[in-house]
């Protein structure tokens, strides 16, 4: 190993340990209220450099640790903007407990306007958990969150939206993890109290030592109360989606007796969905569909088709189940194996 590589690894180890010590000290010291913003520097063996912005907000009173993460996919803007607004609105004098906030987990993706992946190492952060201590920068971000954030957390909220190509129905979701029934019960309760109309549960079949891949699935695997919000679509900033996220956070904090916000809105009827059917592209081409996210479809209905560059239909797709479209490809280009639509439904 050459001297230059040793220097890079040493720099990462310094910032890694410093970040861990700072987080633990802030969470355990007696100073309240308290706010701290810090930058966790990340370096890898390829000489890639990035960082993770981290904010810790300690309320005036002791209470749970609630973690919020946005920007795992940097093209998903409503979650990032919503977190920014929440950070300026929270009053520490009336907050009970502690907020750990990562406003943009994937700054490489965010600043380069790159959907899904970090352009530095061509890796999807939401497919990288639990990460690697000696991996590329994205794998190290996942490792940092897995080892230094999730273990300190009581409630872990991963906030997403439709990426540059995704038309998406706003919803909140959790895993039905029967290995931790009490944590799953709380995740469901917080979801139902969030104010989102659509509450989606996913089956949990992950083995104990299998890679979780997704951020909030990692937290679920580690026995935390874990949830995810999906709000926003097609790489745009929509004020209504931002407000849905903010309102959900305030409602969950209120349910946990951590915080009460004067303008929060309680949701109406809840639509429970617990099964998902996915349609994947079997051809490369141009995708067409008359449906949009939120539409209800009947089993067997034609929900879209793919043409070649000359406009000739080369493949068409029928709904495999009856249900509501959670999300779909909202832009024309598709490649083989792209998920072009997810239809969700409730199965008793």
C-alpha atoms as a PDB file:
ATOM      1  CA  UNK A   1       0.000   0.000   0.000  1.00  0.00           C
ATOM      2  CA  UNK A   2       1.523   3.313  -1.065  1.00  0.00           C
ATOM      3  CA  UNK A   3       1.929   6.391   1.137  1.00  0.00           C
ATOM      4  CA  UNK A   4      -0.787   8.359  -0.679  1.00  0.00           C
ATOM      5  CA  UNK A   5      -3.378   5.627  -0.100  1.00  0.00           C
ATOM      6  CA  UNK A   6      -2.448   5.403   3.571  1.00  0.00           C
ATOM      7  CA  UNK A   7      -2.999   9.154   3.925  1.00  0.00           C
ATOM      8  CA  UNK A   8      -6.463   8.902   2.350  1.00  0.00           C
ATOM      9  CA  UNK A   9      -7.491   6.037   4.634  1.00  0.00           C
ATOM     10  CA  UNK A  10      -6.111   7.869   7.675  1.00  0.00           C
ATOM     11  CA  UNK A  11      -8.083  11.003   6.821  1.00  0.00           C
ATOM     12  CA  UNK A  12     -11.279   8.970   6.618  1.00  0.00           C
ATOM     13  CA  UNK A  13     -10.590   7.255   9.929  1.00  0.00           C
ATOM     14  CA  UNK A  14     -10.117  10.619  11.652  1.00  0.00           C
ATOM     15  CA  UNK A  15     -13.375  12.069  10.384  1.00  0.00           C
ATOM     16  CA  UNK A  16     -15.190   8.784  11.029  1.00  0.00           C
ATOM     17  CA  UNK A  17     -14.139   8.579  14.683  1.00  0.00           C
ATOM     18  CA  UNK A  18     -14.638  12.309  15.185  1.00  0.00           C
ATOM     19  CA  UNK A  19     -18.189  12.056  13.852  1.00  0.00           C
ATOM     20  CA  UNK A  20     -18.973   9.093  16.104  1.00  0.00           C
ATOM     21  CA  UNK A  21     -17.570  10.762  19.220  1.00  0.00           C
ATOM     22  CA  UNK A  22     -19.369  14.020  18.521  1.00  0.00           C
ATOM     23  CA  UNK A  23     -22.741  12.343  17.981  1.00  0.00           C
ATOM     24  CA  UNK A  24     -22.524  10.222  21.111  1.00  0.00           C
ATOM     25  CA  UNK A  25     -21.289  13.056  23.276  1.00  0.00           C
ATOM     26  CA  UNK A  26     -24.058  15.370  22.167  1.00  0.00           C
ATOM     27  CA  UNK A  27     -26.712  12.740  22.770  1.00  0.00           C
ATOM     28  CA  UNK A  28     -25.457  11.878  26.258  1.00  0.00           C
ATOM     29  CA  UNK A  29     -24.342  15.207  27.683  1.00  0.00           C
ATOM     30  CA  UNK A  30     -26.629  17.243  29.933  1.00  0.00           C
ATOM     31  CA  UNK A  31     -26.676  20.429  27.855  1.00  0.00           C
ATOM     32  CA  UNK A  32     -30.253  21.184  26.781  1.00  0.00           C
ATOM     33  CA  UNK A  33     -31.497  22.686  24.554  1.00  0.00           C
ATOM     34  CA  UNK A  34     -28.675  22.368  22.056  1.00  0.00           C
ATOM     35  CA  UNK A  35     -28.178  22.557  18.292  1.00  0.00           C
ATOM     36  CA  UNK A  36     -25.139  21.461  16.325  1.00  0.00           C
ATOM     37  CA  UNK A  37     -24.479  21.302  12.583  1.00  0.00           C
ATOM     38  CA  UNK A  38     -21.466  19.345  11.435  1.00  0.00           C
ATOM     39  CA  UNK A  39     -19.929  17.915   8.276  1.00  0.00           C
ATOM     40  CA  UNK A  40     -18.816  14.287   8.156  1.00  0.00           C
ATOM     41  CA  UNK A  41     -16.045  14.020   5.598  1.00  0.00           C
ATOM     42  CA  UNK A  42     -15.936  10.831   3.523  1.00  0.00           C
ATOM     43  CA  UNK A  43     -12.908   9.682   1.467  1.00  0.00           C
ATOM     44  CA  UNK A  44     -12.257   6.422  -0.339  1.00  0.00           C
ATOM     45  CA  UNK A  45      -9.397   4.470  -1.907  1.00  0.00           C
ATOM     46  CA  UNK A  46     -10.285   5.835  -5.356  1.00  0.00           C
ATOM     47  CA  UNK A  47      -9.549   9.375  -4.134  1.00  0.00           C
ATOM     48  CA  UNK A  48     -13.249  10.270  -4.235  1.00  0.00           C
ATOM     49  CA  UNK A  49     -14.262  12.824  -1.641  1.00  0.00           C
ATOM     50  CA  UNK A  50     -17.712  13.754  -0.399  1.00  0.00           C
ATOM     51  CA  UNK A  51     -19.444  14.632   2.848  1.00  0.00           C
ATOM     52  CA  UNK A  52     -22.589  14.050   4.870  1.00  0.00           C
ATOM     53  CA  UNK A  53     -24.247  17.131   6.436  1.00  0.00           C
ATOM     54  CA  UNK A  54     -25.540  16.284   9.890  1.00  0.00           C
ATOM     55  CA  UNK A  55     -27.619  18.299  12.330  1.00  0.00           C
ATOM     56  CA  UNK A  56     -28.450  17.365  15.909  1.00  0.00           C
ATOM     57  CA  UNK A  57     -31.240  19.256  17.651  1.00  0.00           C
ATOM     58  CA  UNK A  58     -31.676  18.503  21.338  1.00  0.00           C
ATOM     59  CA  UNK A  59     -34.864  19.678  22.974  1.00  0.00           C
ATOM     60  CA  UNK A  60     -35.167  21.269  26.373  1.00  0.00           C
ATOM     61  CA  UNK A  61     -36.417  17.975  27.809  1.00  0.00           C
ATOM     62  CA  UNK A  62     -35.259  14.364  27.607  1.00  0.00           C
ATOM     63  CA  UNK A  63     -37.084  12.040  25.263  1.00  0.00           C
ATOM     64  CA  UNK A  64     -36.744   9.719  22.240  1.00  0.00           C
ATOM     65  CA  UNK A  65     -34.215  10.080  19.436  1.00  0.00           C
ATOM     66  CA  UNK A  66     -35.995  10.671  16.129  1.00  0.00           C
ATOM     67  CA  UNK A  67     -33.849  10.476  12.984  1.00  0.00           C
ATOM     68  CA  UNK A  68     -34.845  11.997   9.640  1.00  0.00           C
ATOM     69  CA  UNK A  69     -32.928  11.362   6.427  1.00  0.00           C
ATOM     70  CA  UNK A  70     -33.584  13.020   3.069  1.00  0.00           C
ATOM     71  CA  UNK A  71     -31.671  13.051  -0.185  1.00  0.00           C
ATOM     72  CA  UNK A  72     -30.640   9.397  -0.282  1.00  0.00           C
ATOM     73  CA  UNK A  73     -31.553  10.020  -3.909  1.00  0.00           C
ATOM     74  CA  UNK A  74     -30.379  13.549  -4.634  1.00  0.00           C
ATOM     75  CA  UNK A  75     -32.930  14.223  -7.393  1.00  0.00           C
ATOM     76  CA  UNK A  76     -35.831  13.827  -4.957  1.00  0.00           C
ATOM     77  CA  UNK A  77     -36.275  17.470  -4.023  1.00  0.00           C
ATOM     78  CA  UNK A  78     -39.480  17.807  -1.922  1.00  0.00           C
ATOM     79  CA  UNK A  79     -38.018  15.745   0.966  1.00  0.00           C
ATOM     80  CA  UNK A  80     -34.851  17.858   0.996  1.00  0.00           C
ATOM     81  CA  UNK A  81     -36.762  21.153   0.971  1.00  0.00           C
ATOM     82  CA  UNK A  82     -39.199  19.882   3.615  1.00  0.00           C
ATOM     83  CA  UNK A  83     -36.317  18.950   5.916  1.00  0.00           C
ATOM     84  CA  UNK A  84     -34.750  22.388   5.396  1.00  0.00           C
ATOM     85  CA  UNK A  85     -38.007  24.041   6.461  1.00  0.00           C
ATOM     86  CA  UNK A  86     -38.432  21.769   9.475  1.00  0.00           C
ATOM     87  CA  UNK A  87     -34.923  22.563  10.682  1.00  0.00           C
ATOM     88  CA  UNK A  88     -35.741  26.274  10.780  1.00  0.00           C
ATOM     89  CA  UNK A  89     -39.172  25.820  12.375  1.00  0.00           C
ATOM     90  CA  UNK A  90     -38.483  23.455  15.273  1.00  0.00           C
ATOM     91  CA  UNK A  91     -38.385  25.291  18.617  1.00  0.00           C
ATOM     92  CA  UNK A  92     -35.955  23.542  20.963  1.00  0.00           C
ATOM     93  CA  UNK A  93     -37.645  25.077  23.999  1.00  0.00           C
ATOM     94  CA  UNK A  94     -40.746  22.942  23.382  1.00  0.00           C
ATOM     95  CA  UNK A  95     -39.037  19.878  21.895  1.00  0.00           C
ATOM     96  CA  UNK A  96     -38.844  16.758  24.035  1.00  0.00           C
ATOM     97  CA  UNK A  97     -36.042  14.460  22.953  1.00  0.00           C
ATOM     98  CA  UNK A  98     -33.525  14.729  20.147  1.00  0.00           C
ATOM     99  CA  UNK A  99     -33.668  15.032  16.383  1.00  0.00           C
ATOM    100  CA  UNK A 100     -30.849  13.638  14.246  1.00  0.00           C
ATOM    101  CA  UNK A 101     -31.192  15.096  10.761  1.00  0.00           C
ATOM    102  CA  UNK A 102     -29.340  14.316   7.544  1.00  0.00           C
ATOM    103  CA  UNK A 103     -30.812  16.859   5.108  1.00  0.00           C
ATOM    104  CA  UNK A 104     -28.968  15.550   2.009  1.00  0.00           C
ATOM    105  CA  UNK A 105     -27.488  12.082   2.381  1.00  0.00           C
ATOM    106  CA  UNK A 106     -26.166  11.922  -1.190  1.00  0.00           C
ATOM    107  CA  UNK A 107     -24.679  15.337  -1.969  1.00  0.00           C
ATOM    108  CA  UNK A 108     -22.874  13.928  -5.017  1.00  0.00           C
ATOM    109  CA  UNK A 109     -26.186  13.039  -6.619  1.00  0.00           C
ATOM    110  CA  UNK A 110     -27.828  16.273  -5.450  1.00  0.00           C
ATOM    111  CA  UNK A 111     -25.320  18.797  -6.776  1.00  0.00           C
ATOM    112  CA  UNK A 112     -24.767  16.985 -10.064  1.00  0.00           C
ATOM    113  CA  UNK A 113     -28.536  16.523 -10.587  1.00  0.00           C
ATOM    114  CA  UNK A 114     -27.964  12.804 -11.098  1.00  0.00           C
ATOM    115  CA  UNK A 115     -30.961  10.473 -10.596  1.00  0.00           C
ATOM    116  CA  UNK A 116     -30.607   7.415  -8.359  1.00  0.00           C
ATOM    117  CA  UNK A 117     -26.805   7.055  -8.191  1.00  0.00           C
ATOM    118  CA  UNK A 118     -23.821   8.905  -6.790  1.00  0.00           C
ATOM    119  CA  UNK A 119     -21.832   9.883  -9.898  1.00  0.00           C
ATOM    120  CA  UNK A 120     -18.531   9.554  -8.017  1.00  0.00           C
ATOM    121  CA  UNK A 121     -18.750   5.769  -7.833  1.00  0.00           C
ATOM    122  CA  UNK A 122     -21.891   5.014  -9.917  1.00  0.00           C
ATOM    123  CA  UNK A 123     -23.541   3.462  -6.847  1.00  0.00           C
ATOM    124  CA  UNK A 124     -27.129   3.740  -5.613  1.00  0.00           C
ATOM    125  CA  UNK A 125     -27.046   4.623  -1.898  1.00  0.00           C
ATOM    126  CA  UNK A 126     -30.459   3.042  -1.424  1.00  0.00           C
ATOM    127  CA  UNK A 127     -29.033  -0.258  -2.589  1.00  0.00           C
ATOM    128  CA  UNK A 128     -25.820  -0.109  -0.542  1.00  0.00           C
ATOM    129  CA  UNK A 129     -26.789  -0.878   3.071  1.00  0.00           C
ATOM    130  CA  UNK A 130     -25.213  -1.904   5.410  1.00  0.00           C
ATOM    131  CA  UNK A 131     -22.291  -0.483   3.471  1.00  0.00           C
ATOM    132  CA  UNK A 132     -18.571  -1.152   3.833  1.00  0.00           C
ATOM    133  CA  UNK A 133     -15.987   0.546   6.026  1.00  0.00           C
ATOM    134  CA  UNK A 134     -13.353   0.107   3.301  1.00  0.00           C
ATOM    135  CA  UNK A 135     -15.632   0.548   0.282  1.00  0.00           C
ATOM    136  CA  UNK A 136     -16.324   3.390  -2.104  1.00  0.00           C
ATOM    137  CA  UNK A 137     -17.738   6.696  -0.878  1.00  0.00           C
ATOM    138  CA  UNK A 138     -21.366   5.618  -1.251  1.00  0.00           C
ATOM    139  CA  UNK A 139     -20.712   2.358   0.572  1.00  0.00           C
ATOM    140  CA  UNK A 140     -18.989   4.362   3.317  1.00  0.00           C
ATOM    141  CA  UNK A 141     -21.968   6.693   3.660  1.00  0.00           C
ATOM    142  CA  UNK A 142     -24.193   3.640   4.143  1.00  0.00           C
ATOM    143  CA  UNK A 143     -21.718   2.208   6.652  1.00  0.00           C
ATOM    144  CA  UNK A 144     -21.621   5.498   8.583  1.00  0.00           C
ATOM    145  CA  UNK A 145     -25.418   5.577   8.827  1.00  0.00           C
ATOM    146  CA  UNK A 146     -25.615   1.883   9.754  1.00  0.00           C
ATOM    147  CA  UNK A 147     -22.957   1.981  12.461  1.00  0.00           C
ATOM    148  CA  UNK A 148     -23.182   5.508  13.850  1.00  0.00           C
ATOM    149  CA  UNK A 149     -26.712   6.807  13.272  1.00  0.00           C
ATOM    150  CA  UNK A 150     -29.138   3.884  13.363  1.00  0.00           C
ATOM    151  CA  UNK A 151     -27.820   2.391  16.652  1.00  0.00           C
ATOM    152  CA  UNK A 152     -28.491   5.716  18.426  1.00  0.00           C
ATOM    153  CA  UNK A 153     -31.996   6.026  16.997  1.00  0.00           C
ATOM    154  CA  UNK A 154     -35.413   5.142  18.395  1.00  0.00           C
ATOM    155  CA  UNK A 155     -37.434   6.129  15.302  1.00  0.00           C
ATOM    156  CA  UNK A 156     -35.844   6.178  11.836  1.00  0.00           C
ATOM    157  CA  UNK A 157     -37.668   8.041   9.046  1.00  0.00           C
ATOM    158  CA  UNK A 158     -36.274   7.830   5.502  1.00  0.00           C
ATOM    159  CA  UNK A 159     -37.952  10.427   3.265  1.00  0.00           C
ATOM    160  CA  UNK A 160     -38.135   9.866  -0.488  1.00  0.00           C
ATOM    161  CA  UNK A 161     -40.080  11.085  -3.506  1.00  0.00           C
ATOM    162  CA  UNK A 162     -40.455  10.326  -7.175  1.00  0.00           C
ATOM    163  CA  UNK A 163     -37.055  10.690  -8.822  1.00  0.00           C
ATOM    164  CA  UNK A 164     -36.513  12.432 -12.164  1.00  0.00           C
ATOM    165  CA  UNK A 165     -38.467   9.791 -14.076  1.00  0.00           C
ATOM    166  CA  UNK A 166     -41.090   8.702 -11.538  1.00  0.00           C
ATOM    167  CA  UNK A 167     -44.745   9.666 -11.290  1.00  0.00           C
ATOM    168  CA  UNK A 168     -45.700   8.839  -7.723  1.00  0.00           C
ATOM    169  CA  UNK A 169     -48.709   8.747  -5.409  1.00  0.00           C
ATOM    170  CA  UNK A 170     -47.818  10.219  -1.976  1.00  0.00           C
ATOM    171  CA  UNK A 171     -47.773   7.525   0.699  1.00  0.00           C
ATOM    172  CA  UNK A 172     -46.103   6.392   3.903  1.00  0.00           C
ATOM    173  CA  UNK A 173     -44.855   2.855   4.399  1.00  0.00           C
ATOM    174  CA  UNK A 174     -43.336   0.389   6.836  1.00  0.00           C
ATOM    175  CA  UNK A 175     -42.255  -3.256   6.923  1.00  0.00           C
ATOM    176  CA  UNK A 176     -44.402  -5.893   8.596  1.00  0.00           C
ATOM    177  CA  UNK A 177     -41.472  -7.273  10.596  1.00  0.00           C
ATOM    178  CA  UNK A 178     -42.856 -10.051  12.789  1.00  0.00           C
ATOM    179  CA  UNK A 179     -39.480 -10.482  14.476  1.00  0.00           C
ATOM    180  CA  UNK A 180     -40.021  -7.149  16.228  1.00  0.00           C
ATOM    181  CA  UNK A 181     -43.813  -6.984  16.685  1.00  0.00           C
ATOM    182  CA  UNK A 182     -43.858  -4.041  19.096  1.00  0.00           C
ATOM    183  CA  UNK A 183     -41.652  -1.917  16.829  1.00  0.00           C
ATOM    184  CA  UNK A 184     -43.816  -2.870  13.857  1.00  0.00           C
ATOM    185  CA  UNK A 185     -46.943  -1.917  15.787  1.00  0.00           C
ATOM    186  CA  UNK A 186     -45.461   1.497  16.515  1.00  0.00           C
ATOM    187  CA  UNK A 187     -44.390   1.958  12.881  1.00  0.00           C
ATOM    188  CA  UNK A 188     -47.936   1.207  11.788  1.00  0.00           C
ATOM    189  CA  UNK A 189     -49.410   3.563  14.400  1.00  0.00           C
ATOM    190  CA  UNK A 190     -47.119   6.427  13.386  1.00  0.00           C
ATOM    191  CA  UNK A 191     -47.955   5.768   9.737  1.00  0.00           C
ATOM    192  CA  UNK A 192     -51.674   5.891  10.440  1.00  0.00           C
ATOM    193  CA  UNK A 193     -51.296   9.106  12.466  1.00  0.00           C
ATOM    194  CA  UNK A 194     -49.087  10.794   9.840  1.00  0.00           C
ATOM    195  CA  UNK A 195     -51.905  12.365   7.864  1.00  0.00           C
ATOM    196  CA  UNK A 196     -51.124  10.473   4.647  1.00  0.00           C
ATOM    197  CA  UNK A 197     -54.176   8.923   3.032  1.00  0.00           C
ATOM    198  CA  UNK A 198     -52.294   5.883   1.727  1.00  0.00           C
ATOM    199  CA  UNK A 199     -50.535   3.667   4.280  1.00  0.00           C
ATOM    200  CA  UNK A 200     -48.529   0.865   2.687  1.00  0.00           C
ATOM    201  CA  UNK A 201     -47.048  -2.151   4.472  1.00  0.00           C
ATOM    202  CA  UNK A 202     -44.426  -4.336   2.836  1.00  0.00           C
ATOM    203  CA  UNK A 203     -43.825  -7.990   3.706  1.00  0.00           C
ATOM    204  CA  UNK A 204     -40.577  -8.545   5.598  1.00  0.00           C
ATOM    205  CA  UNK A 205     -38.703 -11.706   4.622  1.00  0.00           C
ATOM    206  CA  UNK A 206     -35.127 -10.532   5.119  1.00  0.00           C
ATOM    207  CA  UNK A 207     -32.842 -12.985   6.907  1.00  0.00           C
ATOM    208  CA  UNK A 208     -30.872 -11.696   9.882  1.00  0.00           C
ATOM    209  CA  UNK A 209     -27.531 -11.354   8.146  1.00  0.00           C
ATOM    210  CA  UNK A 210     -28.676 -10.626   4.597  1.00  0.00           C
ATOM    211  CA  UNK A 211     -27.862  -7.135   3.259  1.00  0.00           C
ATOM    212  CA  UNK A 212     -30.817  -4.828   3.825  1.00  0.00           C
ATOM    213  CA  UNK A 213     -29.965  -2.650   0.781  1.00  0.00           C
ATOM    214  CA  UNK A 214     -32.468   0.106   1.684  1.00  0.00           C
ATOM    215  CA  UNK A 215     -31.852   2.668   4.438  1.00  0.00           C
ATOM    216  CA  UNK A 216     -35.057   2.200   6.400  1.00  0.00           C
ATOM    217  CA  UNK A 217     -35.006  -1.559   5.847  1.00  0.00           C
ATOM    218  CA  UNK A 218     -31.600  -1.542   7.544  1.00  0.00           C
ATOM    219  CA  UNK A 219     -33.146   0.225  10.533  1.00  0.00           C
ATOM    220  CA  UNK A 220     -36.004  -2.289  10.529  1.00  0.00           C
ATOM    221  CA  UNK A 221     -33.544  -5.184  10.412  1.00  0.00           C
ATOM    222  CA  UNK A 222     -31.700  -3.646  13.364  1.00  0.00           C
ATOM    223  CA  UNK A 223     -34.862  -3.598  15.456  1.00  0.00           C
ATOM    224  CA  UNK A 224     -35.772   0.078  15.216  1.00  0.00           C
ATOM    225  CA  UNK A 225     -39.118   1.746  14.582  1.00  0.00           C
ATOM    226  CA  UNK A 226     -38.593   2.365  10.873  1.00  0.00           C
ATOM    227  CA  UNK A 227     -40.727   4.168   8.301  1.00  0.00           C
ATOM    228  CA  UNK A 228     -40.407   5.765   4.905  1.00  0.00           C
ATOM    229  CA  UNK A 229     -42.326   8.572   3.225  1.00  0.00           C
ATOM    230  CA  UNK A 230     -42.735   8.869  -0.540  1.00  0.00           C
ATOM    231  CA  UNK A 231     -43.863  12.349  -1.583  1.00  0.00           C
ATOM    232  CA  UNK A 232     -43.007  14.292  -4.721  1.00  0.00           C
ATOM    233  CA  UNK A 233     -42.531  13.298  -8.333  1.00  0.00           C
ATOM    234  CA  UNK A 234     -40.701  13.820 -11.604  1.00  0.00           C
ATOM    235  CA  UNK A 235     -37.791  15.748 -10.145  1.00  0.00           C
ATOM    236  CA  UNK A 236     -39.855  18.832  -9.327  1.00  0.00           C
ATOM    237  CA  UNK A 237     -40.412  20.847  -6.163  1.00  0.00           C
ATOM    238  CA  UNK A 238     -44.119  20.784  -5.339  1.00  0.00           C
ATOM    239  CA  UNK A 239     -45.277  22.839  -2.349  1.00  0.00           C
ATOM    240  CA  UNK A 240     -48.165  20.492  -1.627  1.00  0.00           C
ATOM    241  CA  UNK A 241     -45.771  17.532  -1.366  1.00  0.00           C
ATOM    242  CA  UNK A 242     -43.433  19.500   0.899  1.00  0.00           C
ATOM    243  CA  UNK A 243     -46.329  20.328   3.210  1.00  0.00           C
ATOM    244  CA  UNK A 244     -47.448  16.686   3.290  1.00  0.00           C
ATOM    245  CA  UNK A 245     -43.984  15.690   4.529  1.00  0.00           C
ATOM    246  CA  UNK A 246     -43.793  18.455   7.122  1.00  0.00           C
ATOM    247  CA  UNK A 247     -47.274  17.722   8.418  1.00  0.00           C
ATOM    248  CA  UNK A 248     -46.474  14.004   8.696  1.00  0.00           C
ATOM    249  CA  UNK A 249     -43.338  14.698  10.725  1.00  0.00           C
ATOM    250  CA  UNK A 250     -45.218  17.019  13.074  1.00  0.00           C
ATOM    251  CA  UNK A 251     -48.006  14.456  13.490  1.00  0.00           C
ATOM    252  CA  UNK A 252     -45.523  11.697  14.310  1.00  0.00           C
ATOM    253  CA  UNK A 253     -43.620  13.877  16.779  1.00  0.00           C
ATOM    254  CA  UNK A 254     -46.935  14.754  18.408  1.00  0.00           C
ATOM    255  CA  UNK A 255     -47.904  11.081  18.663  1.00  0.00           C
ATOM    256  CA  UNK A 256     -44.557  10.427  20.374  1.00  0.00           C
ATOM    257  CA  UNK A 257     -45.204  13.419  22.668  1.00  0.00           C
ATOM    258  CA  UNK A 258     -42.010  15.024  21.438  1.00  0.00           C
ATOM    259  CA  UNK A 259     -43.468  18.146  19.833  1.00  0.00           C
ATOM    260  CA  UNK A 260     -46.733  19.880  18.968  1.00  0.00           C
ATOM    261  CA  UNK A 261     -47.106  22.223  16.016  1.00  0.00           C
ATOM    262  CA  UNK A 262     -49.974  24.669  15.923  1.00  0.00           C
ATOM    263  CA  UNK A 263     -50.775  24.221  12.218  1.00  0.00           C
ATOM    264  CA  UNK A 264     -50.594  20.431  11.914  1.00  0.00           C
ATOM    265  CA  UNK A 265     -53.478  18.681  10.178  1.00  0.00           C
ATOM    266  CA  UNK A 266     -54.855  15.292  11.104  1.00  0.00           C
ATOM    267  CA  UNK A 267     -55.645  13.025   8.168  1.00  0.00           C
ATOM    268  CA  UNK A 268     -59.059  11.735   7.140  1.00  0.00           C
ATOM    269  CA  UNK A 269     -59.826   8.298   5.733  1.00  0.00           C
ATOM    270  CA  UNK A 270     -56.871   5.928   5.517  1.00  0.00           C
ATOM    271  CA  UNK A 271     -56.394   3.547   2.610  1.00  0.00           C
ATOM    272  CA  UNK A 272     -54.465   0.467   3.760  1.00  0.00           C
ATOM    273  CA  UNK A 273     -52.401  -1.352   1.112  1.00  0.00           C
ATOM    274  CA  UNK A 274     -50.393  -4.465   1.928  1.00  0.00           C
ATOM    275  CA  UNK A 275     -49.547  -6.158  -1.375  1.00  0.00           C
ATOM    276  CA  UNK A 276     -47.616  -4.967  -4.408  1.00  0.00           C
ATOM    277  CA  UNK A 277     -47.389  -6.178  -7.995  1.00  0.00           C
ATOM    278  CA  UNK A 278     -44.606  -4.887 -10.233  1.00  0.00           C
ATOM    279  CA  UNK A 279     -44.497  -4.600 -14.008  1.00  0.00           C
ATOM    280  CA  UNK A 280     -41.014  -4.647 -15.537  1.00  0.00           C
ATOM    281  CA  UNK A 281     -40.108  -3.649 -19.065  1.00  0.00           C
ATOM    282  CA  UNK A 282     -39.256  -6.534 -21.384  1.00  0.00           C
ATOM    283  CA  UNK A 283     -37.955  -4.297 -24.157  1.00  0.00           C
ATOM    284  CA  UNK A 284     -35.947  -1.133 -24.682  1.00  0.00           C
ATOM    285  CA  UNK A 285     -37.917   1.698 -26.228  1.00  0.00           C
ATOM    286  CA  UNK A 286     -40.436   4.477 -25.632  1.00  0.00           C
ATOM    287  CA  UNK A 287     -43.123   3.959 -22.990  1.00  0.00           C
ATOM    288  CA  UNK A 288     -46.698   5.178 -23.295  1.00  0.00           C
ATOM    289  CA  UNK A 289     -49.512   5.003 -20.759  1.00  0.00           C
ATOM    290  CA  UNK A 290     -52.821   6.810 -20.323  1.00  0.00           C
ATOM    291  CA  UNK A 291     -52.685   6.118 -16.588  1.00  0.00           C
ATOM    292  CA  UNK A 292     -51.028   8.147 -13.850  1.00  0.00           C
ATOM    293  CA  UNK A 293     -50.035   7.461 -10.254  1.00  0.00           C
ATOM    294  CA  UNK A 294     -53.126   7.244  -8.049  1.00  0.00           C
ATOM    295  CA  UNK A 295     -55.354   5.784 -10.748  1.00  0.00           C
ATOM    296  CA  UNK A 296     -57.235   2.594  -9.971  1.00  0.00           C
ATOM    297  CA  UNK A 297     -56.884  -0.233 -12.484  1.00  0.00           C
ATOM    298  CA  UNK A 298     -58.653  -3.529 -12.997  1.00  0.00           C
ATOM    299  CA  UNK A 299     -56.856  -6.829 -13.466  1.00  0.00           C
ATOM    300  CA  UNK A 300     -56.245  -7.519 -17.146  1.00  0.00           C
ATOM    301  CA  UNK A 301     -56.573  -3.902 -18.274  1.00  0.00           C
ATOM    302  CA  UNK A 302     -53.956  -2.658 -20.731  1.00  0.00           C
ATOM    303  CA  UNK A 303     -51.936  -0.144 -18.690  1.00  0.00           C
ATOM    304  CA  UNK A 304     -49.203   0.764 -21.163  1.00  0.00           C
ATOM    305  CA  UNK A 305     -47.083  -0.184 -24.131  1.00  0.00           C
ATOM    306  CA  UNK A 306     -43.592   0.269 -25.547  1.00  0.00           C
ATOM    307  CA  UNK A 307     -42.720   1.338 -29.081  1.00  0.00           C
ATOM    308  CA  UNK A 308     -39.447   1.320 -30.942  1.00  0.00           C
ATOM    309  CA  UNK A 309     -37.905   4.566 -32.210  1.00  0.00           C
ATOM    310  CA  UNK A 310     -40.207   4.457 -35.253  1.00  0.00           C
ATOM    311  CA  UNK A 311     -43.369   4.317 -33.154  1.00  0.00           C
ATOM    312  CA  UNK A 312     -44.090   0.635 -33.761  1.00  0.00           C
ATOM    313  CA  UNK A 313     -45.559  -1.135 -30.713  1.00  0.00           C
ATOM    314  CA  UNK A 314     -43.183  -3.874 -29.620  1.00  0.00           C
ATOM    315  CA  UNK A 315     -44.651  -4.744 -26.219  1.00  0.00           C
ATOM    316  CA  UNK A 316     -47.794  -4.065 -24.188  1.00  0.00           C
ATOM    317  CA  UNK A 317     -48.668  -4.636 -20.545  1.00  0.00           C
ATOM    318  CA  UNK A 318     -51.759  -5.775 -18.675  1.00  0.00           C
ATOM    319  CA  UNK A 319     -52.430  -5.126 -15.014  1.00  0.00           C
ATOM    320  CA  UNK A 320     -51.613  -8.362 -13.136  1.00  0.00           C
ATOM    321  CA  UNK A 321     -53.954  -7.368 -10.270  1.00  0.00           C
ATOM    322  CA  UNK A 322     -56.669  -4.869  -9.462  1.00  0.00           C
ATOM    323  CA  UNK A 323     -55.446  -1.997  -7.324  1.00  0.00           C
ATOM    324  CA  UNK A 324     -54.073   1.538  -7.256  1.00  0.00           C
ATOM    325  CA  UNK A 325     -50.945   2.675  -9.107  1.00  0.00           C
ATOM    326  CA  UNK A 326     -48.393   3.651  -6.456  1.00  0.00           C
ATOM    327  CA  UNK A 327     -45.816   4.796  -8.971  1.00  0.00           C
ATOM    328  CA  UNK A 328     -44.925   4.459 -12.627  1.00  0.00           C
ATOM    329  CA  UNK A 329     -42.415   5.620 -15.186  1.00  0.00           C
ATOM    330  CA  UNK A 330     -43.462   9.164 -16.023  1.00  0.00           C
ATOM    331  CA  UNK A 331     -40.995   9.830 -18.845  1.00  0.00           C
ATOM    332  CA  UNK A 332     -40.753   8.063 -22.234  1.00  0.00           C
ATOM    333  CA  UNK A 333     -37.425   6.166 -22.261  1.00  0.00           C
ATOM    334  CA  UNK A 334     -37.304   2.671 -20.748  1.00  0.00           C
ATOM    335  CA  UNK A 335     -34.760  -0.118 -20.684  1.00  0.00           C
ATOM    336  CA  UNK A 336     -35.153  -3.858 -20.218  1.00  0.00           C
ATOM    337  CA  UNK A 337     -35.934  -4.721 -16.566  1.00  0.00           C
ATOM    338  CA  UNK A 338     -36.899  -1.161 -15.624  1.00  0.00           C
ATOM    339  CA  UNK A 339     -39.847  -1.190 -13.229  1.00  0.00           C
ATOM    340  CA  UNK A 340     -42.438   0.706 -15.228  1.00  0.00           C
ATOM    341  CA  UNK A 341     -45.307   0.404 -12.754  1.00  0.00           C
ATOM    342  CA  UNK A 342     -46.129  -0.703  -9.209  1.00  0.00           C
ATOM    343  CA  UNK A 343     -49.750  -1.562  -8.428  1.00  0.00           C
ATOM    344  CA  UNK A 344     -50.695  -1.941  -4.777  1.00  0.00           C
ATOM    345  CA  UNK A 345     -53.810  -3.435  -3.193  1.00  0.00           C
ATOM    346  CA  UNK A 346     -55.156  -4.730   0.118  1.00  0.00           C
ATOM    347  CA  UNK A 347     -55.330  -8.463   0.694  1.00  0.00           C
ATOM    348  CA  UNK A 348     -57.231  -9.692   3.728  1.00  0.00           C
END
